[in-house]
Amino acid sequence: MIELDNTLTAIVTGMVSGFFVSIPVGPINLTIINEGARRGFKWALMIGLGSVLMESIYCGIALTGFAAFLHLPLVKSSMELLSFLFLLFLSWKYFSAKTIPDHVHSADVIEQKIHPRTAFGVGFVRVLGNPSVLLLWLTLTATFLSHNWVDQTLDDRIGFVIGVAWGATLWFVLLSWAVSKGHGKFSPRVLLRMEHISGAILLLAALWIGGRIILKLRDLREYQKSRRPVAALMWQIEEKCTSSTPLRQMSRDDLTRVRSC
């Protein structure tokens, strides 16, 4: 039976991440801007849908790769720390972006070999040839799994991937519509500003994750402090139980502890 609360959380997490991950300026968005102004909404949207399909596949691969390891406490804690550091790096990268990359070399190589003839194929191949997309989803899915925003159940994984596809599709629908109606007014400069906004949002997310890590460390420290007196008392009792001291030389409390042994 599907747990609606958990699955809904996974879907919403996927939609939000899929939408914001699609915003930063890159080859796909620039292709949609250029082609949409010349060929219209449908052509631009098909490029976006092709990229959504490949991105969803990468997302599914990332989920499958990490689900088998995150039940280990050490791996889960390590991924929480790494996700915090990666989001800090990603937010800085987005927020400080000044240039617009229009090509990815690996994507160009694959595109020259396959020669996609449809708009859908162009979008699919350009994401296929961009390994940084897979790296991004490996990190994001590890973040979501380690913070229990997405459970390791099959229902949640499917819901998350569907949410990613919906969120990314929503962005490309809006972008394609704006480009086709704006006749080129939706410039790369506007996308660059939106990328800066995405960087600020990622920074807030990183700070929130960092705050959670600090709270967990504080709780762990308090727990260890509370356990120290108990451990010391148990050690003393064990020492008394194994002691060779005659019973008549023991105090009343010591005798009580020995009897409890």
C-alpha atoms as a PDB file:
ATOM      1  CA  MET A   1       0.000   0.000   0.000  1.00  0.00           C
ATOM      2  CA  ILE A   2       1.318   3.441  -0.963  1.00  0.00           C
ATOM      3  CA  GLU A   3       1.932   5.865   1.898  1.00  0.00           C
ATOM      4  CA  LEU A   4       0.508   9.067   0.457  1.00  0.00           C
ATOM      5  CA  ASP A   5       2.255  11.469   2.829  1.00  0.00           C
ATOM      6  CA  ASN A   6       5.749  10.167   2.067  1.00  0.00           C
ATOM      7  CA  THR A   7       5.088   9.758  -1.646  1.00  0.00           C
ATOM      8  CA  LEU A   8       3.607  13.250  -1.900  1.00  0.00           C
ATOM      9  CA  THR A   9       6.687  14.671  -0.187  1.00  0.00           C
ATOM     10  CA  ALA A  10       8.891  12.843  -2.695  1.00  0.00           C
ATOM     11  CA  ILE A  11       6.848  14.168  -5.634  1.00  0.00           C
ATOM     12  CA  VAL A  12       6.955  17.765  -4.373  1.00  0.00           C
ATOM     13  CA  THR A  13      10.696  17.477  -3.695  1.00  0.00           C
ATOM     14  CA  GLY A  14      11.177  16.202  -7.239  1.00  0.00           C
ATOM     15  CA  MET A  15       9.077  18.994  -8.766  1.00  0.00           C
ATOM     16  CA  VAL A  16      10.899  21.768  -6.914  1.00  0.00           C
ATOM     17  CA  SER A  17      14.355  20.365  -7.640  1.00  0.00           C
ATOM     18  CA  GLY A  18      13.507  19.590 -11.272  1.00  0.00           C
ATOM     19  CA  PHE A  19      12.267  23.142 -11.832  1.00  0.00           C
ATOM     20  CA  PHE A  20      15.217  24.943 -10.250  1.00  0.00           C
ATOM     21  CA  VAL A  21      17.860  22.612 -11.697  1.00  0.00           C
ATOM     22  CA  SER A  22      16.563  23.460 -15.187  1.00  0.00           C
ATOM     23  CA  ILE A  23      16.893  27.229 -14.738  1.00  0.00           C
ATOM     24  CA  PRO A  24      20.695  27.737 -14.863  1.00  0.00           C
ATOM     25  CA  VAL A  25      21.972  28.873 -18.234  1.00  0.00           C
ATOM     26  CA  GLY A  26      23.376  26.059 -20.349  1.00  0.00           C
ATOM     27  CA  PRO A  27      23.299  24.530 -23.830  1.00  0.00           C
ATOM     28  CA  ILE A  28      19.665  23.374 -23.563  1.00  0.00           C
ATOM     29  CA  ASN A  29      18.251  26.726 -22.480  1.00  0.00           C
ATOM     30  CA  LEU A  30      20.319  28.604 -25.075  1.00  0.00           C
ATOM     31  CA  THR A  31      19.178  26.206 -27.801  1.00  0.00           C
ATOM     32  CA  ILE A  32      15.553  26.774 -26.802  1.00  0.00           C
ATOM     33  CA  ILE A  33      16.057  30.544 -26.851  1.00  0.00           C
ATOM     34  CA  ASN A  34      17.668  30.501 -30.287  1.00  0.00           C
ATOM     35  CA  GLU A  35      15.436  27.878 -31.891  1.00  0.00           C
ATOM     36  CA  GLY A  36      12.232  29.058 -30.251  1.00  0.00           C
ATOM     37  CA  ALA A  37      12.633  32.560 -31.637  1.00  0.00           C
ATOM     38  CA  ARG A  38      13.023  31.135 -35.169  1.00  0.00           C
ATOM     39  CA  ARG A  39      10.834  28.019 -35.221  1.00  0.00           C
ATOM     40  CA  GLY A  40       8.217  28.689 -32.591  1.00  0.00           C
ATOM     41  CA  PHE A  41       6.826  27.208 -29.394  1.00  0.00           C
ATOM     42  CA  LYS A  42       6.394  23.568 -30.449  1.00  0.00           C
ATOM     43  CA  TRP A  43       9.961  23.126 -31.682  1.00  0.00           C
ATOM     44  CA  ALA A  44      11.426  24.734 -28.577  1.00  0.00           C
ATOM     45  CA  LEU A  45       9.217  22.639 -26.278  1.00  0.00           C
ATOM     46  CA  MET A  46      10.226  19.384 -27.971  1.00  0.00           C
ATOM     47  CA  ILE A  47      13.884  20.215 -27.324  1.00  0.00           C
ATOM     48  CA  GLY A  48      13.005  20.699 -23.669  1.00  0.00           C
ATOM     49  CA  LEU A  49      11.030  17.436 -23.483  1.00  0.00           C
ATOM     50  CA  GLY A  50      13.948  15.509 -24.967  1.00  0.00           C
ATOM     51  CA  SER A  51      16.222  16.862 -22.266  1.00  0.00           C
ATOM     52  CA  VAL A  52      13.600  16.055 -19.598  1.00  0.00           C
ATOM     53  CA  LEU A  53      13.548  12.390 -20.624  1.00  0.00           C
ATOM     54  CA  MET A  54      17.335  12.007 -20.399  1.00  0.00           C
ATOM     55  CA  GLU A  55      17.484  13.965 -17.158  1.00  0.00           C
ATOM     56  CA  SER A  56      14.826  11.697 -15.642  1.00  0.00           C
ATOM     57  CA  ILE A  57      16.893   8.660 -16.645  1.00  0.00           C
ATOM     58  CA  TYR A  58      19.970  10.160 -14.978  1.00  0.00           C
ATOM     59  CA  CYS A  59      17.874  10.869 -11.884  1.00  0.00           C
ATOM     60  CA  GLY A  60      16.655   7.258 -11.743  1.00  0.00           C
ATOM     61  CA  ILE A  61      20.222   5.967 -12.083  1.00  0.00           C
ATOM     62  CA  ALA A  62      21.340   8.223  -9.238  1.00  0.00           C
ATOM     63  CA  LEU A  63      18.524   7.013  -6.968  1.00  0.00           C
ATOM     64  CA  THR A  64      19.304   3.363  -7.662  1.00  0.00           C
ATOM     65  CA  GLY A  65      23.002   3.871  -7.036  1.00  0.00           C
ATOM     66  CA  PHE A  66      22.664   5.402  -3.570  1.00  0.00           C
ATOM     67  CA  ALA A  67      19.654   3.563  -2.168  1.00  0.00           C
ATOM     68  CA  ALA A  68      21.699   0.438  -1.399  1.00  0.00           C
ATOM     69  CA  PHE A  69      24.260   2.270   0.755  1.00  0.00           C
ATOM     70  CA  LEU A  70      22.387   4.916   2.729  1.00  0.00           C
ATOM     71  CA  HIS A  71      21.122   2.462   5.364  1.00  0.00           C
ATOM     72  CA  LEU A  72      24.640   2.561   6.828  1.00  0.00           C
ATOM     73  CA  PRO A  73      24.851   5.360   9.457  1.00  0.00           C
ATOM     74  CA  LEU A  74      28.404   6.341   8.494  1.00  0.00           C
ATOM     75  CA  VAL A  75      27.511   6.649   4.804  1.00  0.00           C
ATOM     76  CA  LYS A  76      24.374   8.635   5.617  1.00  0.00           C
ATOM     77  CA  SER A  77      26.230  11.075   7.866  1.00  0.00           C
ATOM     78  CA  SER A  78      29.008  11.483   5.304  1.00  0.00           C
ATOM     79  CA  MET A  79      26.518  12.249   2.551  1.00  0.00           C
ATOM     80  CA  GLU A  80      24.810  14.882   4.704  1.00  0.00           C
ATOM     81  CA  LEU A  81      28.140  16.675   5.094  1.00  0.00           C
ATOM     82  CA  LEU A  82      29.091  16.272   1.428  1.00  0.00           C
ATOM     83  CA  SER A  83      25.682  17.513   0.281  1.00  0.00           C
ATOM     84  CA  PHE A  84      26.095  20.620   2.436  1.00  0.00           C
ATOM     85  CA  LEU A  85      29.519  21.329   0.912  1.00  0.00           C
ATOM     86  CA  PHE A  86      28.290  20.623  -2.629  1.00  0.00           C
ATOM     87  CA  LEU A  87      25.294  22.931  -2.287  1.00  0.00           C
ATOM     88  CA  LEU A  88      27.596  25.670  -1.003  1.00  0.00           C
ATOM     89  CA  PHE A  89      29.822  25.191  -4.050  1.00  0.00           C
ATOM     90  CA  LEU A  90      26.859  25.062  -6.427  1.00  0.00           C
ATOM     91  CA  SER A  91      25.267  28.194  -4.969  1.00  0.00           C
ATOM     92  CA  TRP A  92      28.568  30.065  -5.305  1.00  0.00           C
ATOM     93  CA  LYS A  93      28.941  28.836  -8.898  1.00  0.00           C
ATOM     94  CA  TYR A  94      25.420  29.954  -9.866  1.00  0.00           C
ATOM     95  CA  PHE A  95      25.534  33.215  -7.962  1.00  0.00           C
ATOM     96  CA  SER A  96      28.921  34.274  -9.368  1.00  0.00           C
ATOM     97  CA  ALA A  97      28.250  33.217 -12.978  1.00  0.00           C
ATOM     98  CA  LYS A  98      29.227  35.933 -15.458  1.00  0.00           C
ATOM     99  CA  THR A  99      29.550  34.024 -18.725  1.00  0.00           C
ATOM    100  CA  ILE A 100      27.083  31.833 -20.569  1.00  0.00           C
ATOM    101  CA  PRO A 101      28.382  28.423 -21.746  1.00  0.00           C
ATOM    102  CA  ASP A 102      26.816  27.608 -25.092  1.00  0.00           C
ATOM    103  CA  HIS A 103      28.505  24.234 -25.713  1.00  0.00           C
ATOM    104  CA  VAL A 104      29.639  21.140 -23.844  1.00  0.00           C
ATOM    105  CA  HIS A 105      32.466  19.336 -25.659  1.00  0.00           C
ATOM    106  CA  SER A 106      31.317  15.813 -24.783  1.00  0.00           C
ATOM    107  CA  ALA A 107      27.784  16.644 -25.953  1.00  0.00           C
ATOM    108  CA  ASP A 108      29.126  18.031 -29.238  1.00  0.00           C
ATOM    109  CA  VAL A 109      31.089  14.809 -29.840  1.00  0.00           C
ATOM    110  CA  ILE A 110      28.029  12.601 -29.279  1.00  0.00           C
ATOM    111  CA  GLU A 111      25.839  14.897 -31.371  1.00  0.00           C
ATOM    112  CA  GLN A 112      28.289  14.687 -34.282  1.00  0.00           C
ATOM    113  CA  LYS A 113      28.196  10.878 -34.111  1.00  0.00           C
ATOM    114  CA  ILE A 114      24.432  10.442 -33.724  1.00  0.00           C
ATOM    115  CA  HIS A 115      23.231  13.412 -35.820  1.00  0.00           C
ATOM    116  CA  PRO A 116      19.775  13.876 -34.229  1.00  0.00           C
ATOM    117  CA  ARG A 117      17.263  15.141 -36.792  1.00  0.00           C
ATOM    118  CA  THR A 118      14.376  16.035 -34.502  1.00  0.00           C
ATOM    119  CA  ALA A 119      14.046  18.680 -31.826  1.00  0.00           C
ATOM    120  CA  PHE A 120      13.332  15.960 -29.256  1.00  0.00           C
ATOM    121  CA  GLY A 121      16.497  14.114 -30.283  1.00  0.00           C
ATOM    122  CA  VAL A 122      18.599  17.274 -29.999  1.00  0.00           C
ATOM    123  CA  GLY A 123      17.475  17.846 -26.413  1.00  0.00           C
ATOM    124  CA  PHE A 124      17.963  14.186 -25.488  1.00  0.00           C
ATOM    125  CA  VAL A 125      21.473  13.916 -26.953  1.00  0.00           C
ATOM    126  CA  ARG A 126      22.736  17.176 -25.453  1.00  0.00           C
ATOM    127  CA  VAL A 127      21.868  16.017 -21.935  1.00  0.00           C
ATOM    128  CA  LEU A 128      23.162  12.501 -22.678  1.00  0.00           C
ATOM    129  CA  GLY A 129      26.564  13.964 -23.545  1.00  0.00           C
ATOM    130  CA  ASN A 130      26.757  16.156 -20.444  1.00  0.00           C
ATOM    131  CA  PRO A 131      28.132  14.034 -17.540  1.00  0.00           C
ATOM    132  CA  SER A 132      27.838  16.954 -15.121  1.00  0.00           C
ATOM    133  CA  VAL A 133      24.056  16.418 -15.163  1.00  0.00           C
ATOM    134  CA  LEU A 134      24.508  12.895 -13.773  1.00  0.00           C
ATOM    135  CA  LEU A 135      26.960  14.186 -11.159  1.00  0.00           C
ATOM    136  CA  LEU A 136      24.457  16.850 -10.123  1.00  0.00           C
ATOM    137  CA  TRP A 137      21.664  14.314  -9.651  1.00  0.00           C
ATOM    138  CA  LEU A 138      23.958  11.923  -7.792  1.00  0.00           C
ATOM    139  CA  THR A 139      24.593  14.652  -5.249  1.00  0.00           C
ATOM    140  CA  LEU A 140      21.009  15.908  -5.044  1.00  0.00           C
ATOM    141  CA  THR A 141      19.456  12.460  -4.644  1.00  0.00           C
ATOM    142  CA  ALA A 142      22.005  11.620  -1.952  1.00  0.00           C
ATOM    143  CA  THR A 143      20.990  14.838  -0.195  1.00  0.00           C
ATOM    144  CA  PHE A 144      17.278  14.046  -0.367  1.00  0.00           C
ATOM    145  CA  LEU A 145      17.741  10.422   0.717  1.00  0.00           C
ATOM    146  CA  SER A 146      20.029  11.268   3.631  1.00  0.00           C
ATOM    147  CA  HIS A 147      17.551  13.862   4.955  1.00  0.00           C
ATOM    148  CA  ASN A 148      14.564  11.500   4.445  1.00  0.00           C
ATOM    149  CA  TRP A 149      12.843  13.819   1.951  1.00  0.00           C
ATOM    150  CA  VAL A 150      12.718  10.775  -0.309  1.00  0.00           C
ATOM    151  CA  ASP A 151      12.417   7.298   1.195  1.00  0.00           C
ATOM    152  CA  GLN A 152      14.144   4.246  -0.237  1.00  0.00           C
ATOM    153  CA  THR A 153      10.831   2.621  -1.191  1.00  0.00           C
ATOM    154  CA  LEU A 154       9.992   2.020  -4.840  1.00  0.00           C
ATOM    155  CA  ASP A 155       6.893   4.235  -4.595  1.00  0.00           C
ATOM    156  CA  ASP A 156       8.903   7.205  -3.377  1.00  0.00           C
ATOM    157  CA  ARG A 157      11.607   6.753  -5.998  1.00  0.00           C
ATOM    158  CA  ILE A 158       9.082   6.608  -8.813  1.00  0.00           C
ATOM    159  CA  GLY A 159       7.219   9.588  -7.360  1.00  0.00           C
ATOM    160  CA  PHE A 160      10.439  11.583  -7.102  1.00  0.00           C
ATOM    161  CA  VAL A 161      11.442  10.898 -10.723  1.00  0.00           C
ATOM    162  CA  ILE A 162       7.934  11.806 -11.900  1.00  0.00           C
ATOM    163  CA  GLY A 163       8.133  15.017  -9.863  1.00  0.00           C
ATOM    164  CA  VAL A 164      11.492  15.873 -11.443  1.00  0.00           C
ATOM    165  CA  ALA A 165       9.998  15.357 -14.909  1.00  0.00           C
ATOM    166  CA  TRP A 166       6.987  17.553 -14.067  1.00  0.00           C
ATOM    167  CA  GLY A 167       9.107  20.338 -12.599  1.00  0.00           C
ATOM    168  CA  ALA A 168      11.551  20.384 -15.513  1.00  0.00           C
ATOM    169  CA  THR A 169       8.693  20.242 -18.033  1.00  0.00           C
ATOM    170  CA  LEU A 170       7.005  23.202 -16.339  1.00  0.00           C
ATOM    171  CA  TRP A 171      10.178  25.270 -16.701  1.00  0.00           C
ATOM    172  CA  PHE A 172      10.638  24.395 -20.380  1.00  0.00           C
ATOM    173  CA  VAL A 173       6.976  25.120 -21.135  1.00  0.00           C
ATOM    174  CA  LEU A 174       7.331  28.572 -19.567  1.00  0.00           C
ATOM    175  CA  LEU A 175      10.658  29.217 -21.303  1.00  0.00           C
ATOM    176  CA  SER A 176       9.433  28.044 -24.718  1.00  0.00           C
ATOM    177  CA  TRP A 177       6.265  30.103 -24.423  1.00  0.00           C
ATOM    178  CA  ALA A 178       8.159  33.227 -23.332  1.00  0.00           C
ATOM    179  CA  VAL A 179      10.671  32.879 -26.166  1.00  0.00           C
ATOM    180  CA  SER A 180       8.060  32.226 -28.852  1.00  0.00           C
ATOM    181  CA  LYS A 181       5.863  35.118 -27.703  1.00  0.00           C
ATOM    182  CA  GLY A 182       8.678  37.507 -26.891  1.00  0.00           C
ATOM    183  CA  HIS A 183      10.385  37.241 -30.296  1.00  0.00           C
ATOM    184  CA  GLY A 184      13.879  37.238 -28.818  1.00  0.00           C
ATOM    185  CA  LYS A 185      13.207  39.580 -25.893  1.00  0.00           C
ATOM    186  CA  PHE A 186      13.780  36.685 -23.482  1.00  0.00           C
ATOM    187  CA  SER A 187      17.537  37.084 -23.707  1.00  0.00           C
ATOM    188  CA  PRO A 188      20.344  35.023 -22.143  1.00  0.00           C
ATOM    189  CA  ARG A 189      20.947  37.981 -19.818  1.00  0.00           C
ATOM    190  CA  VAL A 190      17.538  37.377 -18.244  1.00  0.00           C
ATOM    191  CA  LEU A 191      18.438  33.705 -17.767  1.00  0.00           C
ATOM    192  CA  LEU A 192      21.698  34.754 -16.152  1.00  0.00           C
ATOM    193  CA  ARG A 193      19.792  36.819 -13.601  1.00  0.00           C
ATOM    194  CA  MET A 194      17.520  33.870 -12.894  1.00  0.00           C
ATOM    195  CA  GLU A 195      20.608  31.723 -12.391  1.00  0.00           C
ATOM    196  CA  HIS A 196      21.788  34.194  -9.751  1.00  0.00           C
ATOM    197  CA  ILE A 197      18.414  33.841  -8.025  1.00  0.00           C
ATOM    198  CA  SER A 198      18.794  30.043  -8.125  1.00  0.00           C
ATOM    199  CA  GLY A 199      22.209  30.429  -6.504  1.00  0.00           C
ATOM    200  CA  ALA A 200      20.699  32.455  -3.677  1.00  0.00           C
ATOM    201  CA  ILE A 201      18.005  29.804  -3.135  1.00  0.00           C
ATOM    202  CA  LEU A 202      20.613  27.033  -3.088  1.00  0.00           C
ATOM    203  CA  LEU A 203      22.620  29.030  -0.546  1.00  0.00           C
ATOM    204  CA  LEU A 204      19.585  29.168   1.744  1.00  0.00           C
ATOM    205  CA  ALA A 205      19.111  25.410   1.317  1.00  0.00           C
ATOM    206  CA  ALA A 206      22.788  24.800   2.145  1.00  0.00           C
ATOM    207  CA  LEU A 207      22.552  26.951   5.276  1.00  0.00           C
ATOM    208  CA  TRP A 208      19.434  25.067   6.364  1.00  0.00           C
ATOM    209  CA  ILE A 209      21.210  21.721   5.915  1.00  0.00           C
ATOM    210  CA  GLY A 210      24.231  23.093   7.790  1.00  0.00           C
ATOM    211  CA  GLY A 211      21.944  24.126  10.651  1.00  0.00           C
ATOM    212  CA  ARG A 212      20.516  20.599  10.820  1.00  0.00           C
ATOM    213  CA  ILE A 213      24.013  19.137  10.975  1.00  0.00           C
ATOM    214  CA  ILE A 214      24.950  21.494  13.832  1.00  0.00           C
ATOM    215  CA  LEU A 215      21.806  20.547  15.772  1.00  0.00           C
ATOM    216  CA  LYS A 216      22.533  16.842  15.322  1.00  0.00           C
ATOM    217  CA  LEU A 217      26.096  17.306  16.549  1.00  0.00           C
ATOM    218  CA  ARG A 218      24.805  19.212  19.582  1.00  0.00           C
ATOM    219  CA  ASP A 219      22.273  16.480  20.395  1.00  0.00           C
ATOM    220  CA  LEU A 220      24.963  13.817  20.020  1.00  0.00           C
ATOM    221  CA  ARG A 221      27.267  15.703  22.371  1.00  0.00           C
ATOM    222  CA  GLU A 222      24.523  16.074  24.996  1.00  0.00           C
ATOM    223  CA  TYR A 223      23.683  12.378  24.688  1.00  0.00           C
ATOM    224  CA  GLN A 224      27.313  11.415  25.213  1.00  0.00           C
ATOM    225  CA  LYS A 225      27.520  13.680  28.276  1.00  0.00           C
ATOM    226  CA  SER A 226      24.423  12.071  29.761  1.00  0.00           C
ATOM    227  CA  ARG A 227      25.875   8.616  29.196  1.00  0.00           C
ATOM    228  CA  ARG A 228      29.204   9.315  30.915  1.00  0.00           C
ATOM    229  CA  PRO A 229      27.925   9.154  34.568  1.00  0.00           C
ATOM    230  CA  VAL A 230      26.047   5.943  33.818  1.00  0.00           C
ATOM    231  CA  ALA A 231      29.107   4.369  32.214  1.00  0.00           C
ATOM    232  CA  ALA A 232      31.290   5.427  35.152  1.00  0.00           C
ATOM    233  CA  LEU A 233      28.816   3.980  37.667  1.00  0.00           C
ATOM    234  CA  MET A 234      28.610   0.688  35.769  1.00  0.00           C
ATOM    235  CA  TRP A 235      32.400   0.486  35.734  1.00  0.00           C
ATOM    236  CA  GLN A 236      32.535   1.047  39.498  1.00  0.00           C
ATOM    237  CA  ILE A 237      29.890  -1.593  40.129  1.00  0.00           C
ATOM    238  CA  GLU A 238      31.692  -4.081  37.922  1.00  0.00           C
ATOM    239  CA  GLU A 239      34.921  -3.339  39.753  1.00  0.00           C
ATOM    240  CA  LYS A 240      33.237  -3.889  43.120  1.00  0.00           C
ATOM    241  CA  CYS A 241      31.652  -7.124  41.930  1.00  0.00           C
ATOM    242  CA  THR A 242      34.993  -8.535  40.878  1.00  0.00           C
ATOM    243  CA  SER A 243      36.882  -7.063  43.817  1.00  0.00           C
ATOM    244  CA  SER A 244      38.620  -9.292  46.344  1.00  0.00           C
ATOM    245  CA  THR A 245      37.827  -6.874  49.217  1.00  0.00           C
ATOM    246  CA  PRO A 246      36.263  -8.717  52.182  1.00  0.00           C
ATOM    247  CA  LEU A 247      32.593  -8.042  52.647  1.00  0.00           C
ATOM    248  CA  ARG A 248      33.061  -6.703  56.192  1.00  0.00           C
ATOM    249  CA  GLN A 249      35.326  -3.936  54.847  1.00  0.00           C
ATOM    250  CA  MET A 250      32.778  -2.773  52.274  1.00  0.00           C
ATOM    251  CA  SER A 251      30.412   0.099  52.859  1.00  0.00           C
ATOM    252  CA  ARG A 252      26.639  -0.357  52.922  1.00  0.00           C
ATOM    253  CA  ASP A 253      26.305   1.113  49.401  1.00  0.00           C
ATOM    254  CA  ASP A 254      29.021  -1.223  48.135  1.00  0.00           C
ATOM    255  CA  LEU A 255      27.221  -4.213  49.635  1.00  0.00           C
ATOM    256  CA  THR A 256      23.988  -3.144  47.979  1.00  0.00           C
ATOM    257  CA  ARG A 257      25.726  -2.925  44.608  1.00  0.00           C
ATOM    258  CA  VAL A 258      27.367  -6.317  45.094  1.00  0.00           C
ATOM    259  CA  ARG A 259      23.994  -7.904  45.903  1.00  0.00           C
ATOM    260  CA  SER A 260      22.567  -6.392  42.711  1.00  0.00           C
ATOM    261  CA  CYS A 261      25.294  -8.142  40.735  1.00  0.00           C
END
